[in-house]
Amino acid sequence: MKLTKVMRKKYIKGAAQKCPYCNSNELEADSMETDCTGAWREVSCTSCGKKWNEVFTLTDIEEIREI
């Protein structure tokens, strides 16, 4: 089964709590990896064996105020 746009949207909307392939909540995630362009981690489903990368992007910045 190929990961579709609909499956991606459902996974993201569901806060990444269920497998986009089989809907199981038996997920395992590796530690986050980063470089100067973004961050990602590999996630796998222990129920169906599928694997995918969660990709994180910069969405905002906040000022840190000195006291």
PDB file of N, CA and C in Angstrom:
ATOM      1  N   MET A   1       0.845  -1.175   0.000  1.00  0.00           N
ATOM      2  CA  MET A   1       0.000   0.000   0.000  1.00  0.00           C
ATOM      3  C   MET A   1       0.892   1.240   0.000  1.00  0.00           C
ATOM      4  N   LYS A   2       0.592   2.188  -0.857  1.00  0.00           N
ATOM      5  CA  LYS A   2       1.343   3.428  -0.964  1.00  0.00           C
ATOM      6  C   LYS A   2       0.727   4.491  -0.054  1.00  0.00           C
ATOM      7  N   LEU A   3       1.574   5.307   0.568  1.00  0.00           N
ATOM      8  CA  LEU A   3       1.118   6.391   1.438  1.00  0.00           C
ATOM      9  C   LEU A   3       0.524   7.501   0.583  1.00  0.00           C
ATOM     10  N   THR A   4      -0.756   7.775   0.756  1.00  0.00           N
ATOM     11  CA  THR A   4      -1.447   8.784  -0.051  1.00  0.00           C
ATOM     12  C   THR A   4      -1.504  10.121   0.677  1.00  0.00           C
ATOM     13  N   LYS A   5      -1.897  11.149  -0.055  1.00  0.00           N
ATOM     14  CA  LYS A   5      -2.068  12.485   0.526  1.00  0.00           C
ATOM     15  C   LYS A   5      -3.136  12.459   1.624  1.00  0.00           C
ATOM     16  N   VAL A   6      -4.206  11.727   1.397  1.00  0.00           N
ATOM     17  CA  VAL A   6      -5.289  11.610   2.385  1.00  0.00           C
ATOM     18  C   VAL A   6      -4.773  10.941   3.662  1.00  0.00           C
ATOM     19  N   MET A   7      -3.979   9.889   3.506  1.00  0.00           N
ATOM     20  CA  MET A   7      -3.418   9.195   4.673  1.00  0.00           C
ATOM     21  C   MET A   7      -2.491  10.123   5.458  1.00  0.00           C
ATOM     22  N   ARG A   8      -1.685  10.903   4.745  1.00  0.00           N
ATOM     23  CA  ARG A   8      -0.781  11.864   5.402  1.00  0.00           C
ATOM     24  C   ARG A   8      -1.568  12.876   6.223  1.00  0.00           C
ATOM     25  N   LYS A   9      -2.597  13.462   5.610  1.00  0.00           N
ATOM     26  CA  LYS A   9      -3.404  14.474   6.299  1.00  0.00           C
ATOM     27  C   LYS A   9      -4.081  13.895   7.540  1.00  0.00           C
ATOM     28  N   LYS A  10      -4.620  12.696   7.426  1.00  0.00           N
ATOM     29  CA  LYS A  10      -5.284  12.059   8.565  1.00  0.00           C
ATOM     30  C   LYS A  10      -4.290  11.808   9.697  1.00  0.00           C
ATOM     31  N   TYR A  11      -3.074  11.368   9.360  1.00  0.00           N
ATOM     32  CA  TYR A  11      -2.026  11.109  10.356  1.00  0.00           C
ATOM     33  C   TYR A  11      -1.651  12.393  11.084  1.00  0.00           C
ATOM     34  N   ILE A  12      -1.435  13.467  10.340  1.00  0.00           N
ATOM     35  CA  ILE A  12      -1.056  14.747  10.949  1.00  0.00           C
ATOM     36  C   ILE A  12      -2.204  15.311  11.787  1.00  0.00           C
ATOM     37  N   LYS A  13      -3.413  15.271  11.265  1.00  0.00           N
ATOM     38  CA  LYS A  13      -4.580  15.779  11.996  1.00  0.00           C
ATOM     39  C   LYS A  13      -4.822  14.996  13.282  1.00  0.00           C
ATOM     40  N   GLY A  14      -4.505  13.711  13.281  1.00  0.00           N
ATOM     41  CA  GLY A  14      -4.685  12.865  14.456  1.00  0.00           C
ATOM     42  C   GLY A  14      -3.525  12.938  15.428  1.00  0.00           C
ATOM     43  N   ALA A  15      -2.669  13.948  15.263  1.00  0.00           N
ATOM     44  CA  ALA A  15      -1.514  14.180  16.142  1.00  0.00           C
ATOM     45  C   ALA A  15      -0.557  12.992  16.136  1.00  0.00           C
ATOM     46  N   ALA A  16      -0.478  12.307  15.011  1.00  0.00           N
ATOM     47  CA  ALA A  16       0.495  11.222  14.818  1.00  0.00           C
ATOM     48  C   ALA A  16       0.386  10.122  15.866  1.00  0.00           C
ATOM     49  N   GLN A  17      -0.833   9.774  16.244  1.00  0.00           N
ATOM     50  CA  GLN A  17      -1.030   8.763  17.275  1.00  0.00           C
ATOM     51  C   GLN A  17      -1.420   7.396  16.722  1.00  0.00           C
ATOM     52  N   LYS A  18      -1.740   7.320  15.423  1.00  0.00           N
ATOM     53  CA  LYS A  18      -2.129   6.038  14.835  1.00  0.00           C
ATOM     54  C   LYS A  18      -1.422   5.836  13.508  1.00  0.00           C
ATOM     55  N   CYS A  19      -1.122   4.598  13.209  1.00  0.00           N
ATOM     56  CA  CYS A  19      -0.451   4.249  11.962  1.00  0.00           C
ATOM     57  C   CYS A  19      -1.301   4.697  10.767  1.00  0.00           C
ATOM     58  N   PRO A  20      -0.691   5.394   9.798  1.00  0.00           N
ATOM     59  CA  PRO A  20      -1.470   5.817   8.633  1.00  0.00           C
ATOM     60  C   PRO A  20      -1.854   4.658   7.716  1.00  0.00           C
ATOM     61  N   TYR A  21      -1.236   3.494   7.887  1.00  0.00           N
ATOM     62  CA  TYR A  21      -1.523   2.332   7.045  1.00  0.00           C
ATOM     63  C   TYR A  21      -2.593   1.425   7.644  1.00  0.00           C
ATOM     64  N   CYS A  22      -2.452   1.071   8.938  1.00  0.00           N
ATOM     65  CA  CYS A  22      -3.374   0.087   9.523  1.00  0.00           C
ATOM     66  C   CYS A  22      -4.194   0.638  10.694  1.00  0.00           C
ATOM     67  N   ASN A  23      -3.963   1.892  11.071  1.00  0.00           N
ATOM     68  CA  ASN A  23      -4.710   2.572  12.135  1.00  0.00           C
ATOM     69  C   ASN A  23      -4.379   2.059  13.537  1.00  0.00           C
ATOM     70  N   SER A  24      -3.314   1.307  13.688  1.00  0.00           N
ATOM     71  CA  SER A  24      -2.888   0.828  15.001  1.00  0.00           C
ATOM     72  C   SER A  24      -2.222   1.961  15.773  1.00  0.00           C
ATOM     73  N   ASN A  25      -2.282   1.883  17.094  1.00  0.00           N
ATOM     74  CA  ASN A  25      -1.569   2.871  17.917  1.00  0.00           C
ATOM     75  C   ASN A  25      -0.264   2.286  18.464  1.00  0.00           C
ATOM     76  N   GLU A  26       0.195   1.181  17.908  1.00  0.00           N
ATOM     77  CA  GLU A  26       1.436   0.526  18.317  1.00  0.00           C
ATOM     78  C   GLU A  26       2.613   1.095  17.522  1.00  0.00           C
ATOM     79  N   LEU A  27       2.997   2.338  17.839  1.00  0.00           N
ATOM     80  CA  LEU A  27       4.048   3.022  17.104  1.00  0.00           C
ATOM     81  C   LEU A  27       5.320   3.146  17.936  1.00  0.00           C
ATOM     82  N   GLU A  28       6.456   3.098  17.250  1.00  0.00           N
ATOM     83  CA  GLU A  28       7.751   3.323  17.875  1.00  0.00           C
ATOM     84  C   GLU A  28       8.472   4.382  17.061  1.00  0.00           C
ATOM     85  N   ALA A  29       9.117   5.342  17.751  1.00  0.00           N
ATOM     86  CA  ALA A  29       9.811   6.422  17.059  1.00  0.00           C
ATOM     87  C   ALA A  29      11.263   6.486  17.504  1.00  0.00           C
ATOM     88  N   ASP A  30      12.143   6.686  16.527  1.00  0.00           N
ATOM     89  CA  ASP A  30      13.560   6.904  16.820  1.00  0.00           C
ATOM     90  C   ASP A  30      13.746   8.315  17.357  1.00  0.00           C
ATOM     91  N   SER A  31      14.951   8.613  17.813  1.00  0.00           N
ATOM     92  CA  SER A  31      15.240   9.959  18.287  1.00  0.00           C
ATOM     93  C   SER A  31      15.284  10.919  17.099  1.00  0.00           C
ATOM     94  N   MET A  32      15.068  12.183  17.389  1.00  0.00           N
ATOM     95  CA  MET A  32      15.017  13.223  16.379  1.00  0.00           C
ATOM     96  C   MET A  32      16.406  13.459  15.786  1.00  0.00           C
ATOM     97  N   GLU A  33      16.443  13.624  14.467  1.00  0.00           N
ATOM     98  CA  GLU A  33      17.673  14.004  13.785  1.00  0.00           C
ATOM     99  C   GLU A  33      17.452  15.388  13.186  1.00  0.00           C
ATOM    100  N   THR A  34      18.519  16.190  13.134  1.00  0.00           N
ATOM    101  CA  THR A  34      18.389  17.547  12.618  1.00  0.00           C
ATOM    102  C   THR A  34      19.575  17.919  11.740  1.00  0.00           C
ATOM    103  N   ASP A  35      19.331  18.893  10.887  1.00  0.00           N
ATOM    104  CA  ASP A  35      20.405  19.570  10.172  1.00  0.00           C
ATOM    105  C   ASP A  35      19.966  21.026  10.033  1.00  0.00           C
ATOM    106  N   CYS A  36      20.662  21.811   9.242  1.00  0.00           N
ATOM    107  CA  CYS A  36      20.332  23.240   9.166  1.00  0.00           C
ATOM    108  C   CYS A  36      19.030  23.527   8.421  1.00  0.00           C
ATOM    109  N   THR A  37      18.420  22.534   7.815  1.00  0.00           N
ATOM    110  CA  THR A  37      17.189  22.761   7.062  1.00  0.00           C
ATOM    111  C   THR A  37      15.937  22.219   7.731  1.00  0.00           C
ATOM    112  N   GLY A  38      16.066  21.377   8.744  1.00  0.00           N
ATOM    113  CA  GLY A  38      14.881  20.820   9.386  1.00  0.00           C
ATOM    114  C   GLY A  38      15.204  19.684  10.326  1.00  0.00           C
ATOM    115  N   ALA A  39      14.163  18.965  10.706  1.00  0.00           N
ATOM    116  CA  ALA A  39      14.301  17.842  11.629  1.00  0.00           C
ATOM    117  C   ALA A  39      13.375  16.718  11.180  1.00  0.00           C
ATOM    118  N   TRP A  40      13.727  15.495  11.537  1.00  0.00           N
ATOM    119  CA  TRP A  40      12.927  14.328  11.163  1.00  0.00           C
ATOM    120  C   TRP A  40      13.229  13.190  12.123  1.00  0.00           C
ATOM    121  N   ARG A  41      12.344  12.210  12.142  1.00  0.00           N
ATOM    122  CA  ARG A  41      12.585  10.973  12.891  1.00  0.00           C
ATOM    123  C   ARG A  41      11.851   9.838  12.199  1.00  0.00           C
ATOM    124  N   GLU A  42      12.438   8.650  12.301  1.00  0.00           N
ATOM    125  CA  GLU A  42      11.812   7.480  11.712  1.00  0.00           C
ATOM    126  C   GLU A  42      10.798   6.915  12.699  1.00  0.00           C
ATOM    127  N   VAL A  43       9.643   6.555  12.183  1.00  0.00           N
ATOM    128  CA  VAL A  43       8.571   5.962  12.978  1.00  0.00           C
ATOM    129  C   VAL A  43       8.217   4.628  12.342  1.00  0.00           C
ATOM    130  N   SER A  44       7.910   3.641  13.170  1.00  0.00           N
ATOM    131  CA  SER A  44       7.487   2.350  12.638  1.00  0.00           C
ATOM    132  C   SER A  44       6.275   1.845  13.409  1.00  0.00           C
ATOM    133  N   CYS A  45       5.488   1.039  12.738  1.00  0.00           N
ATOM    134  CA  CYS A  45       4.311   0.422  13.339  1.00  0.00           C
ATOM    135  C   CYS A  45       4.648  -1.029  13.650  1.00  0.00           C
ATOM    136  N   THR A  46       4.522  -1.416  14.898  1.00  0.00           N
ATOM    137  CA  THR A  46       4.837  -2.790  15.276  1.00  0.00           C
ATOM    138  C   THR A  46       3.716  -3.762  14.872  1.00  0.00           C
ATOM    139  N   SER A  47       2.560  -3.232  14.495  1.00  0.00           N
ATOM    140  CA  SER A  47       1.457  -4.103  14.059  1.00  0.00           C
ATOM    141  C   SER A  47       1.603  -4.539  12.604  1.00  0.00           C
ATOM    142  N   CYS A  48       1.858  -3.581  11.705  1.00  0.00           N
ATOM    143  CA  CYS A  48       1.911  -3.926  10.273  1.00  0.00           C
ATOM    144  C   CYS A  48       3.327  -3.896   9.696  1.00  0.00           C
ATOM    145  N   GLY A  49       4.291  -3.357  10.458  1.00  0.00           N
ATOM    146  CA  GLY A  49       5.670  -3.347  10.008  1.00  0.00           C
ATOM    147  C   GLY A  49       6.053  -2.197   9.090  1.00  0.00           C
ATOM    148  N   LYS A  50       5.124  -1.303   8.756  1.00  0.00           N
ATOM    149  CA  LYS A  50       5.431  -0.164   7.890  1.00  0.00           C
ATOM    150  C   LYS A  50       6.309   0.838   8.635  1.00  0.00           C
ATOM    151  N   LYS A  51       7.131   1.578   7.869  1.00  0.00           N
ATOM    152  CA  LYS A  51       8.002   2.615   8.414  1.00  0.00           C
ATOM    153  C   LYS A  51       7.845   3.887   7.590  1.00  0.00           C
ATOM    154  N   TRP A  52       8.037   5.040   8.245  1.00  0.00           N
ATOM    155  CA  TRP A  52       7.972   6.323   7.563  1.00  0.00           C
ATOM    156  C   TRP A  52       8.766   7.345   8.367  1.00  0.00           C
ATOM    157  N   ASN A  53       9.033   8.483   7.765  1.00  0.00           N
ATOM    158  CA  ASN A  53       9.695   9.587   8.447  1.00  0.00           C
ATOM    159  C   ASN A  53       8.683  10.664   8.775  1.00  0.00           C
ATOM    160  N   GLU A  54       8.697  11.140  10.008  1.00  0.00           N
ATOM    161  CA  GLU A  54       7.982  12.354  10.367  1.00  0.00           C
ATOM    162  C   GLU A  54       8.945  13.498  10.073  1.00  0.00           C
ATOM    163  N   VAL A  55       8.468  14.508   9.350  1.00  0.00           N
ATOM    164  CA  VAL A  55       9.306  15.628   8.954  1.00  0.00           C
ATOM    165  C   VAL A  55       8.789  16.886   9.653  1.00  0.00           C
ATOM    166  N   PHE A  56       9.689  17.577  10.342  1.00  0.00           N
ATOM    167  CA  PHE A  56       9.340  18.769  11.102  1.00  0.00           C
ATOM    168  C   PHE A  56       9.951  19.991  10.433  1.00  0.00           C
ATOM    169  N   THR A  57       9.193  21.075  10.382  1.00  0.00           N
ATOM    170  CA  THR A  57       9.670  22.310   9.784  1.00  0.00           C
ATOM    171  C   THR A  57       9.483  23.475  10.748  1.00  0.00           C
ATOM    172  N   LEU A  58      10.269  24.513  10.538  1.00  0.00           N
ATOM    173  CA  LEU A  58      10.180  25.714  11.355  1.00  0.00           C
ATOM    174  C   LEU A  58       8.880  26.439  11.044  1.00  0.00           C
ATOM    175  N   THR A  59       8.079  26.716  12.070  1.00  0.00           N
ATOM    176  CA  THR A  59       6.804  27.391  11.854  1.00  0.00           C
ATOM    177  C   THR A  59       6.734  28.766  12.494  1.00  0.00           C
ATOM    178  N   ASP A  60       7.643  29.057  13.417  1.00  0.00           N
ATOM    179  CA  ASP A  60       7.586  30.341  14.105  1.00  0.00           C
ATOM    180  C   ASP A  60       8.874  30.537  14.898  1.00  0.00           C
ATOM    181  N   ILE A  61       9.100  31.756  15.346  1.00  0.00           N
ATOM    182  CA  ILE A  61      10.170  32.042  16.303  1.00  0.00           C
ATOM    183  C   ILE A  61       9.587  32.909  17.409  1.00  0.00           C
ATOM    184  N   GLU A  62      10.172  32.824  18.583  1.00  0.00           N
ATOM    185  CA  GLU A  62       9.755  33.644  19.716  1.00  0.00           C
ATOM    186  C   GLU A  62      10.966  34.371  20.290  1.00  0.00           C
ATOM    187  N   GLU A  63      10.761  35.611  20.645  1.00  0.00           N
ATOM    188  CA  GLU A  63      11.828  36.397  21.249  1.00  0.00           C
ATOM    189  C   GLU A  63      12.094  35.914  22.682  1.00  0.00           C
ATOM    190  N   ILE A  64      13.353  35.839  23.045  1.00  0.00           N
ATOM    191  CA  ILE A  64      13.735  35.546  24.418  1.00  0.00           C
ATOM    192  C   ILE A  64      14.150  36.869  25.048  1.00  0.00           C
ATOM    193  N   ARG A  65      13.427  37.280  26.037  1.00  0.00           N
ATOM    194  CA  ARG A  65      13.692  38.588  26.656  1.00  0.00           C
ATOM    195  C   ARG A  65      14.664  38.440  27.798  1.00  0.00           C
ATOM    196  N   GLU A  66      15.648  39.300  27.775  1.00  0.00           N
ATOM    197  CA  GLU A  66      16.634  39.341  28.869  1.00  0.00           C
ATOM    198  C   GLU A  66      16.022  40.009  30.087  1.00  0.00           C
ATOM    199  N   ILE A  67      16.334  39.488  31.258  1.00  0.00           N
ATOM    200  CA  ILE A  67      15.804  40.070  32.505  1.00  0.00           C
ATOM    201  C   ILE A  67      16.803  41.040  33.076  1.00  0.00           C
TER     202      ILE A  67
END
